[in-house]
């Protein structure tokens, strides 16, 4: 996940890498929750996945808007949007 965020220049690949890192943390929470036989970790994962789904929806909407304006979603081209 970190490799995809640091070295890839495609915004969609970067979003997917962030989601991979979030899913790794969720898997860790579920594993610890199961190990300690406590449901709090699983409840936290449920809310974390809901927030991640909302983040993806907003992020993809922003990417579609940028693609319509620039005809590209390359991160290097987005540097031109600075004020």
PDB file of N, CA and C in Angstrom:
ATOM      1  N   UNK A   1       0.802  -1.190   0.000  1.00  0.00           N
ATOM      2  CA  UNK A   1       0.000   0.000   0.000  1.00  0.00           C
ATOM      3  C   UNK A   1       0.847   1.257   0.000  1.00  0.00           C
ATOM      4  N   UNK A   2       1.849   1.291   0.852  1.00  0.00           N
ATOM      5  CA  UNK A   2       2.702   2.476   0.935  1.00  0.00           C
ATOM      6  C   UNK A   2       3.476   2.662  -0.363  1.00  0.00           C
ATOM      7  N   UNK A   3       3.934   1.564  -0.955  1.00  0.00           N
ATOM      8  CA  UNK A   3       4.648   1.642  -2.224  1.00  0.00           C
ATOM      9  C   UNK A   3       3.763   2.270  -3.302  1.00  0.00           C
ATOM     10  N   UNK A   4       2.500   1.887  -3.347  1.00  0.00           N
ATOM     11  CA  UNK A   4       1.584   2.442  -4.341  1.00  0.00           C
ATOM     12  C   UNK A   4       1.334   3.925  -4.153  1.00  0.00           C
ATOM     13  N   UNK A   5       1.277   4.380  -2.908  1.00  0.00           N
ATOM     14  CA  UNK A   5       1.046   5.804  -2.649  1.00  0.00           C
ATOM     15  C   UNK A   5       2.297   6.624  -2.981  1.00  0.00           C
ATOM     16  N   UNK A   6       3.459   6.095  -2.640  1.00  0.00           N
ATOM     17  CA  UNK A   6       4.681   6.876  -2.815  1.00  0.00           C
ATOM     18  C   UNK A   6       5.205   6.896  -4.243  1.00  0.00           C
ATOM     19  N   UNK A   7       5.066   5.800  -4.975  1.00  0.00           N
ATOM     20  CA  UNK A   7       5.748   5.691  -6.257  1.00  0.00           C
ATOM     21  C   UNK A   7       4.846   5.729  -7.482  1.00  0.00           C
ATOM     22  N   UNK A   8       3.550   5.602  -7.316  1.00  0.00           N
ATOM     23  CA  UNK A   8       2.657   5.625  -8.477  1.00  0.00           C
ATOM     24  C   UNK A   8       2.126   7.027  -8.679  1.00  0.00           C
ATOM     25  N   UNK A   9       1.924   7.427  -9.912  1.00  0.00           N
ATOM     26  CA  UNK A   9       1.462   8.774 -10.229  1.00  0.00           C
ATOM     27  C   UNK A   9       0.009   8.789 -10.666  1.00  0.00           C
ATOM     28  N   UNK A  10      -0.655   7.668 -10.651  1.00  0.00           N
ATOM     29  CA  UNK A  10      -2.051   7.597 -11.044  1.00  0.00           C
ATOM     30  C   UNK A  10      -2.909   7.732  -9.788  1.00  0.00           C
ATOM     31  N   UNK A  11      -3.867   8.648  -9.804  1.00  0.00           N
ATOM     32  CA  UNK A  11      -4.675   8.927  -8.619  1.00  0.00           C
ATOM     33  C   UNK A  11      -5.530   7.728  -8.219  1.00  0.00           C
ATOM     34  N   UNK A  12      -6.029   6.976  -9.175  1.00  0.00           N
ATOM     35  CA  UNK A  12      -6.864   5.816  -8.847  1.00  0.00           C
ATOM     36  C   UNK A  12      -6.027   4.739  -8.154  1.00  0.00           C
ATOM     37  N   UNK A  13      -4.810   4.523  -8.637  1.00  0.00           N
ATOM     38  CA  UNK A  13      -3.916   3.562  -7.997  1.00  0.00           C
ATOM     39  C   UNK A  13      -3.589   4.018  -6.579  1.00  0.00           C
ATOM     40  N   UNK A  14      -3.415   5.318  -6.389  1.00  0.00           N
ATOM     41  CA  UNK A  14      -3.130   5.834  -5.057  1.00  0.00           C
ATOM     42  C   UNK A  14      -4.311   5.603  -4.115  1.00  0.00           C
ATOM     43  N   UNK A  15      -5.542   5.831  -4.596  1.00  0.00           N
ATOM     44  CA  UNK A  15      -6.716   5.566  -3.773  1.00  0.00           C
ATOM     45  C   UNK A  15      -6.821   4.084  -3.427  1.00  0.00           C
ATOM     46  N   UNK A  16      -6.544   3.220  -4.396  1.00  0.00           N
ATOM     47  CA  UNK A  16      -6.602   1.787  -4.125  1.00  0.00           C
ATOM     48  C   UNK A  16      -5.546   1.388  -3.100  1.00  0.00           C
ATOM     49  N   UNK A  17      -4.377   2.004  -3.155  1.00  0.00           N
ATOM     50  CA  UNK A  17      -3.323   1.699  -2.186  1.00  0.00           C
ATOM     51  C   UNK A  17      -3.722   2.130  -0.784  1.00  0.00           C
ATOM     52  N   UNK A  18      -4.369   3.286  -0.670  1.00  0.00           N
ATOM     53  CA  UNK A  18      -4.849   3.737   0.635  1.00  0.00           C
ATOM     54  C   UNK A  18      -5.895   2.775   1.174  1.00  0.00           C
ATOM     55  N   UNK A  19      -6.769   2.293   0.312  1.00  0.00           N
ATOM     56  CA  UNK A  19      -7.783   1.332   0.743  1.00  0.00           C
ATOM     57  C   UNK A  19      -7.148   0.019   1.189  1.00  0.00           C
ATOM     58  N   UNK A  20      -6.078  -0.395   0.533  1.00  0.00           N
ATOM     59  CA  UNK A  20      -5.374  -1.613   0.950  1.00  0.00           C
ATOM     60  C   UNK A  20      -4.814  -1.440   2.357  1.00  0.00           C
ATOM     61  N   UNK A  21      -4.248  -0.255   2.629  1.00  0.00           N
ATOM     62  CA  UNK A  21      -3.715  -0.009   3.969  1.00  0.00           C
ATOM     63  C   UNK A  21      -4.838   0.015   5.009  1.00  0.00           C
ATOM     64  N   UNK A  22      -5.979   0.614   4.681  1.00  0.00           N
ATOM     65  CA  UNK A  22      -7.106   0.621   5.613  1.00  0.00           C
ATOM     66  C   UNK A  22      -7.625  -0.791   5.874  1.00  0.00           C
ATOM     67  N   UNK A  23      -7.680  -1.614   4.832  1.00  0.00           N
ATOM     68  CA  UNK A  23      -8.141  -2.988   5.013  1.00  0.00           C
ATOM     69  C   UNK A  23      -7.160  -3.811   5.843  1.00  0.00           C
ATOM     70  N   UNK A  24      -5.870  -3.511   5.731  1.00  0.00           N
ATOM     71  CA  UNK A  24      -4.891  -4.207   6.561  1.00  0.00           C
ATOM     72  C   UNK A  24      -5.102  -3.880   8.034  1.00  0.00           C
ATOM     73  N   UNK A  25      -5.376  -2.621   8.321  1.00  0.00           N
ATOM     74  CA  UNK A  25      -5.642  -2.229   9.710  1.00  0.00           C
ATOM     75  C   UNK A  25      -6.936  -2.878  10.199  1.00  0.00           C
ATOM     76  N   UNK A  26      -7.954  -2.918   9.351  1.00  0.00           N
ATOM     77  CA  UNK A  26      -9.210  -3.565   9.743  1.00  0.00           C
ATOM     78  C   UNK A  26      -9.003  -5.045  10.036  1.00  0.00           C
ATOM     79  N   UNK A  27      -8.206  -5.702   9.221  1.00  0.00           N
ATOM     80  CA  UNK A  27      -7.911  -7.111   9.459  1.00  0.00           C
ATOM     81  C   UNK A  27      -7.178  -7.302  10.790  1.00  0.00           C
ATOM     82  N   UNK A  28      -6.281  -6.382  11.106  1.00  0.00           N
ATOM     83  CA  UNK A  28      -5.576  -6.440  12.382  1.00  0.00           C
ATOM     84  C   UNK A  28      -6.544  -6.274  13.547  1.00  0.00           C
ATOM     85  N   UNK A  29      -7.493  -5.329  13.425  1.00  0.00           N
ATOM     86  CA  UNK A  29      -8.490  -5.142  14.479  1.00  0.00           C
ATOM     87  C   UNK A  29      -9.335  -6.397  14.679  1.00  0.00           C
ATOM     88  N   UNK A  30      -9.741  -7.018  13.590  1.00  0.00           N
ATOM     89  CA  UNK A  30     -10.558  -8.233  13.698  1.00  0.00           C
ATOM     90  C   UNK A  30      -9.750  -9.355  14.341  1.00  0.00           C
ATOM     91  N   UNK A  31      -8.477  -9.483  13.967  1.00  0.00           N
ATOM     92  CA  UNK A  31      -7.649 -10.545  14.545  1.00  0.00           C
ATOM     93  C   UNK A  31      -7.474 -10.343  16.052  1.00  0.00           C
ATOM     94  N   UNK A  32      -7.173  -9.125  16.476  1.00  0.00           N
ATOM     95  CA  UNK A  32      -7.015  -8.870  17.903  1.00  0.00           C
ATOM     96  C   UNK A  32      -8.338  -9.015  18.646  1.00  0.00           C
ATOM     97  N   UNK A  33      -9.420  -8.617  18.000  1.00  0.00           N
ATOM     98  CA  UNK A  33     -10.728  -8.757  18.624  1.00  0.00           C
ATOM     99  C   UNK A  33     -11.073 -10.227  18.835  1.00  0.00           C
ATOM    100  N   UNK A  34     -10.764 -11.044  17.853  1.00  0.00           N
ATOM    101  CA  UNK A  34     -11.021 -12.475  17.978  1.00  0.00           C
ATOM    102  C   UNK A  34     -10.100 -13.101  19.024  1.00  0.00           C
ATOM    103  N   UNK A  35      -8.848 -12.679  19.049  1.00  0.00           N
ATOM    104  CA  UNK A  35      -7.887 -13.227  20.007  1.00  0.00           C
ATOM    105  C   UNK A  35      -8.292 -12.919  21.447  1.00  0.00           C
ATOM    106  N   UNK A  36      -8.779 -11.699  21.678  1.00  0.00           N
ATOM    107  CA  UNK A  36      -9.180 -11.302  23.029  1.00  0.00           C
ATOM    108  C   UNK A  36     -10.653 -11.592  23.320  1.00  0.00           C
ATOM    109  N   UNK A  37     -11.343 -12.175  22.364  1.00  0.00           N
ATOM    110  CA  UNK A  37     -12.759 -12.537  22.488  1.00  0.00           C
ATOM    111  C   UNK A  37     -13.606 -11.346  22.942  1.00  0.00           C
ATOM    112  N   UNK A  38     -13.411 -10.240  22.228  1.00  0.00           N
ATOM    113  CA  UNK A  38     -14.137  -9.006  22.511  1.00  0.00           C
ATOM    114  C   UNK A  38     -14.638  -8.458  21.178  1.00  0.00           C
ATOM    115  N   UNK A  39     -15.885  -8.031  21.127  1.00  0.00           N
ATOM    116  CA  UNK A  39     -16.494  -7.585  19.873  1.00  0.00           C
ATOM    117  C   UNK A  39     -16.235  -6.119  19.559  1.00  0.00           C
ATOM    118  N   UNK A  40     -15.549  -5.392  20.419  1.00  0.00           N
ATOM    119  CA  UNK A  40     -15.344  -3.970  20.176  1.00  0.00           C
ATOM    120  C   UNK A  40     -14.517  -3.716  18.916  1.00  0.00           C
ATOM    121  N   UNK A  41     -13.519  -4.537  18.671  1.00  0.00           N
ATOM    122  CA  UNK A  41     -12.704  -4.376  17.463  1.00  0.00           C
ATOM    123  C   UNK A  41     -13.516  -4.581  16.202  1.00  0.00           C
ATOM    124  N   UNK A  42     -14.423  -5.541  16.216  1.00  0.00           N
ATOM    125  CA  UNK A  42     -15.248  -5.799  15.045  1.00  0.00           C
ATOM    126  C   UNK A  42     -16.252  -4.679  14.813  1.00  0.00           C
ATOM    127  N   UNK A  43     -16.761  -4.100  15.884  1.00  0.00           N
ATOM    128  CA  UNK A  43     -17.664  -2.956  15.754  1.00  0.00           C
ATOM    129  C   UNK A  43     -16.908  -1.768  15.174  1.00  0.00           C
ATOM    130  N   UNK A  44     -15.679  -1.563  15.631  1.00  0.00           N
ATOM    131  CA  UNK A  44     -14.866  -0.478  15.098  1.00  0.00           C
ATOM    132  C   UNK A  44     -14.585  -0.687  13.620  1.00  0.00           C
ATOM    133  N   UNK A  45     -14.343  -1.919  13.207  1.00  0.00           N
ATOM    134  CA  UNK A  45     -14.125  -2.222  11.793  1.00  0.00           C
ATOM    135  C   UNK A  45     -15.366  -1.893  10.970  1.00  0.00           C
ATOM    136  N   UNK A  46     -16.530  -2.190  11.507  1.00  0.00           N
ATOM    137  CA  UNK A  46     -17.767  -1.883  10.792  1.00  0.00           C
ATOM    138  C   UNK A  46     -17.880  -0.382  10.517  1.00  0.00           C
ATOM    139  N   UNK A  47     -17.632   0.435  11.529  1.00  0.00           N
ATOM    140  CA  UNK A  47     -17.702   1.881  11.331  1.00  0.00           C
ATOM    141  C   UNK A  47     -16.565   2.388  10.450  1.00  0.00           C
ATOM    142  N   UNK A  48     -15.403   1.788  10.564  1.00  0.00           N
ATOM    143  CA  UNK A  48     -14.276   2.171   9.731  1.00  0.00           C
ATOM    144  C   UNK A  48     -14.555   1.894   8.258  1.00  0.00           C
ATOM    145  N   UNK A  49     -15.204   0.772   7.973  1.00  0.00           N
ATOM    146  CA  UNK A  49     -15.541   0.453   6.580  1.00  0.00           C
ATOM    147  C   UNK A  49     -16.607   1.390   6.041  1.00  0.00           C
ATOM    148  N   UNK A  50     -17.529   1.823   6.886  1.00  0.00           N
ATOM    149  CA  UNK A  50     -18.540   2.783   6.450  1.00  0.00           C
ATOM    150  C   UNK A  50     -17.895   4.116   6.105  1.00  0.00           C
ATOM    151  N   UNK A  51     -16.951   4.557   6.913  1.00  0.00           N
ATOM    152  CA  UNK A  51     -16.244   5.812   6.632  1.00  0.00           C
ATOM    153  C   UNK A  51     -15.393   5.667   5.366  1.00  0.00           C
ATOM    154  N   UNK A  52     -14.760   4.522   5.191  1.00  0.00           N
ATOM    155  CA  UNK A  52     -13.943   4.293   3.991  1.00  0.00           C
ATOM    156  C   UNK A  52     -14.797   4.299   2.732  1.00  0.00           C
ATOM    157  N   UNK A  53     -15.995   3.751   2.800  1.00  0.00           N
ATOM    158  CA  UNK A  53     -16.891   3.769   1.638  1.00  0.00           C
ATOM    159  C   UNK A  53     -17.295   5.199   1.286  1.00  0.00           C
ATOM    160  N   UNK A  54     -17.560   6.009   2.297  1.00  0.00           N
ATOM    161  CA  UNK A  54     -17.896   7.413   2.044  1.00  0.00           C
ATOM    162  C   UNK A  54     -16.696   8.152   1.468  1.00  0.00           C
ATOM    163  N   UNK A  55     -15.508   7.835   1.965  1.00  0.00           N
ATOM    164  CA  UNK A  55     -14.292   8.465   1.447  1.00  0.00           C
ATOM    165  C   UNK A  55     -14.086   8.125  -0.020  1.00  0.00           C
ATOM    166  N   UNK A  56     -14.307   6.882  -0.384  1.00  0.00           N
ATOM    167  CA  UNK A  56     -14.138   6.466  -1.776  1.00  0.00           C
ATOM    168  C   UNK A  56     -15.140   7.172  -2.672  1.00  0.00           C
ATOM    169  N   UNK A  57     -16.367   7.310  -2.218  1.00  0.00           N
ATOM    170  CA  UNK A  57     -17.384   7.989  -3.022  1.00  0.00           C
ATOM    171  C   UNK A  57     -17.002   9.441  -3.274  1.00  0.00           C
ATOM    172  N   UNK A  58     -16.563  10.133  -2.241  1.00  0.00           N
ATOM    173  CA  UNK A  58     -16.170  11.538  -2.407  1.00  0.00           C
ATOM    174  C   UNK A  58     -14.905  11.648  -3.253  1.00  0.00           C
ATOM    175  N   UNK A  59     -13.932  10.779  -2.996  1.00  0.00           N
ATOM    176  CA  UNK A  59     -12.689  10.813  -3.762  1.00  0.00           C
ATOM    177  C   UNK A  59     -12.905  10.542  -5.241  1.00  0.00           C
ATOM    178  N   UNK A  60     -13.725   9.571  -5.562  1.00  0.00           N
ATOM    179  CA  UNK A  60     -13.993   9.286  -6.976  1.00  0.00           C
ATOM    180  C   UNK A  60     -14.781  10.411  -7.640  1.00  0.00           C
ATOM    181  N   UNK A  61     -15.663  11.061  -6.903  1.00  0.00           N
ATOM    182  CA  UNK A  61     -16.386  12.209  -7.459  1.00  0.00           C
ATOM    183  C   UNK A  61     -15.421  13.347  -7.774  1.00  0.00           C
ATOM    184  N   UNK A  62     -14.458  13.567  -6.902  1.00  0.00           N
ATOM    185  CA  UNK A  62     -13.449  14.595  -7.163  1.00  0.00           C
ATOM    186  C   UNK A  62     -12.605  14.216  -8.368  1.00  0.00           C
ATOM    187  N   UNK A  63     -12.219  12.946  -8.471  1.00  0.00           N
ATOM    188  CA  UNK A  63     -11.423  12.508  -9.623  1.00  0.00           C
ATOM    189  C   UNK A  63     -12.189  12.642 -10.933  1.00  0.00           C
ATOM    190  N   UNK A  64     -13.465  12.340 -10.935  1.00  0.00           N
ATOM    191  CA  UNK A  64     -14.270  12.493 -12.149  1.00  0.00           C
ATOM    192  C   UNK A  64     -14.346  13.966 -12.543  1.00  0.00           C
ATOM    193  N   UNK A  65     -14.498  14.833 -11.568  1.00  0.00           N
ATOM    194  CA  UNK A  65     -14.532  16.267 -11.839  1.00  0.00           C
ATOM    195  C   UNK A  65     -13.202  16.755 -12.419  1.00  0.00           C
ATOM    196  N   UNK A  66     -12.100  16.289 -11.853  1.00  0.00           N
ATOM    197  CA  UNK A  66     -10.784  16.679 -12.372  1.00  0.00           C
ATOM    198  C   UNK A  66     -10.571  16.129 -13.772  1.00  0.00           C
ATOM    199  N   UNK A  67     -10.994  14.892 -14.010  1.00  0.00           N
ATOM    200  CA  UNK A  67     -10.838  14.304 -15.338  1.00  0.00           C
ATOM    201  C   UNK A  67     -11.636  15.066 -16.389  1.00  0.00           C
ATOM    202  N   UNK A  68     -12.812  15.531 -16.025  1.00  0.00           N
ATOM    203  CA  UNK A  68     -13.619  16.302 -16.980  1.00  0.00           C
ATOM    204  C   UNK A  68     -12.954  17.623 -17.325  1.00  0.00           C
ATOM    205  N   UNK A  69     -12.238  18.213 -16.385  1.00  0.00           N
ATOM    206  CA  UNK A  69     -11.595  19.503 -16.642  1.00  0.00           C
ATOM    207  C   UNK A  69     -10.244  19.375 -17.327  1.00  0.00           C
ATOM    208  N   UNK A  70      -9.446  18.382 -16.956  1.00  0.00           N
ATOM    209  CA  UNK A  70      -8.076  18.268 -17.462  1.00  0.00           C
ATOM    210  C   UNK A  70      -7.866  17.132 -18.452  1.00  0.00           C
ATOM    211  N   UNK A  71      -8.816  16.233 -18.585  1.00  0.00           N
ATOM    212  CA  UNK A  71      -8.704  15.034 -19.433  1.00  0.00           C
ATOM    213  C   UNK A  71      -7.564  14.126 -18.994  1.00  0.00           C
ATOM    214  N   UNK A  72      -7.189  14.218 -17.730  1.00  0.00           N
ATOM    215  CA  UNK A  72      -6.144  13.365 -17.176  1.00  0.00           C
ATOM    216  C   UNK A  72      -6.302  13.333 -15.660  1.00  0.00           C
ATOM    217  N   UNK A  73      -5.875  12.222 -15.060  1.00  0.00           N
ATOM    218  CA  UNK A  73      -5.876  12.144 -13.598  1.00  0.00           C
ATOM    219  C   UNK A  73      -4.463  11.904 -13.088  1.00  0.00           C
ATOM    220  N   UNK A  74      -3.472  12.284 -13.905  1.00  0.00           N
ATOM    221  CA  UNK A  74      -2.089  12.166 -13.501  1.00  0.00           C
ATOM    222  C   UNK A  74      -1.801  13.179 -12.397  1.00  0.00           C
ATOM    223  N   UNK A  75      -1.147  12.741 -11.345  1.00  0.00           N
ATOM    224  CA  UNK A  75      -0.888  13.592 -10.187  1.00  0.00           C
ATOM    225  C   UNK A  75       0.015  14.770 -10.557  1.00  0.00           C
ATOM    226  N   UNK A  76       0.947  14.552 -11.471  1.00  0.00           N
ATOM    227  CA  UNK A  76       1.848  15.649 -11.856  1.00  0.00           C
ATOM    228  C   UNK A  76       1.086  16.784 -12.533  1.00  0.00           C
ATOM    229  N   UNK A  77       0.008  16.471 -13.249  1.00  0.00           N
ATOM    230  CA  UNK A  77      -0.791  17.513 -13.892  1.00  0.00           C
ATOM    231  C   UNK A  77      -1.625  18.294 -12.878  1.00  0.00           C
ATOM    232  N   UNK A  78      -1.881  17.716 -11.717  1.00  0.00           N
ATOM    233  CA  UNK A  78      -2.692  18.390 -10.708  1.00  0.00           C
ATOM    234  C   UNK A  78      -1.928  19.509 -10.004  1.00  0.00           C
ATOM    235  N   UNK A  79      -0.616  19.541 -10.148  1.00  0.00           N
ATOM    236  CA  UNK A  79       0.165  20.597  -9.521  1.00  0.00           C
ATOM    237  C   UNK A  79      -0.147  21.958 -10.142  1.00  0.00           C
ATOM    238  N   UNK A  80      -0.700  21.964 -11.356  1.00  0.00           N
ATOM    239  CA  UNK A  80      -1.060  23.208 -12.027  1.00  0.00           C
ATOM    240  C   UNK A  80      -2.301  23.857 -11.399  1.00  0.00           C
ATOM    241  N   UNK A  81      -3.026  23.134 -10.549  1.00  0.00           N
ATOM    242  CA  UNK A  81      -4.246  23.665  -9.945  1.00  0.00           C
ATOM    243  C   UNK A  81      -3.973  24.531  -8.736  1.00  0.00           C
ATOM    244  N   UNK A  82      -2.711  24.603  -8.310  1.00  0.00           N
ATOM    245  CA  UNK A  82      -2.382  25.440  -7.164  1.00  0.00           C
ATOM    246  C   UNK A  82      -2.650  26.899  -7.494  1.00  0.00           C
ATOM    247  N   UNK A  83      -3.177  27.623  -6.503  1.00  0.00           N
ATOM    248  CA  UNK A  83      -3.559  29.036  -6.673  1.00  0.00           C
ATOM    249  C   UNK A  83      -2.446  29.894  -6.930  1.00  0.00           C
TER     250      UNK A  83
END
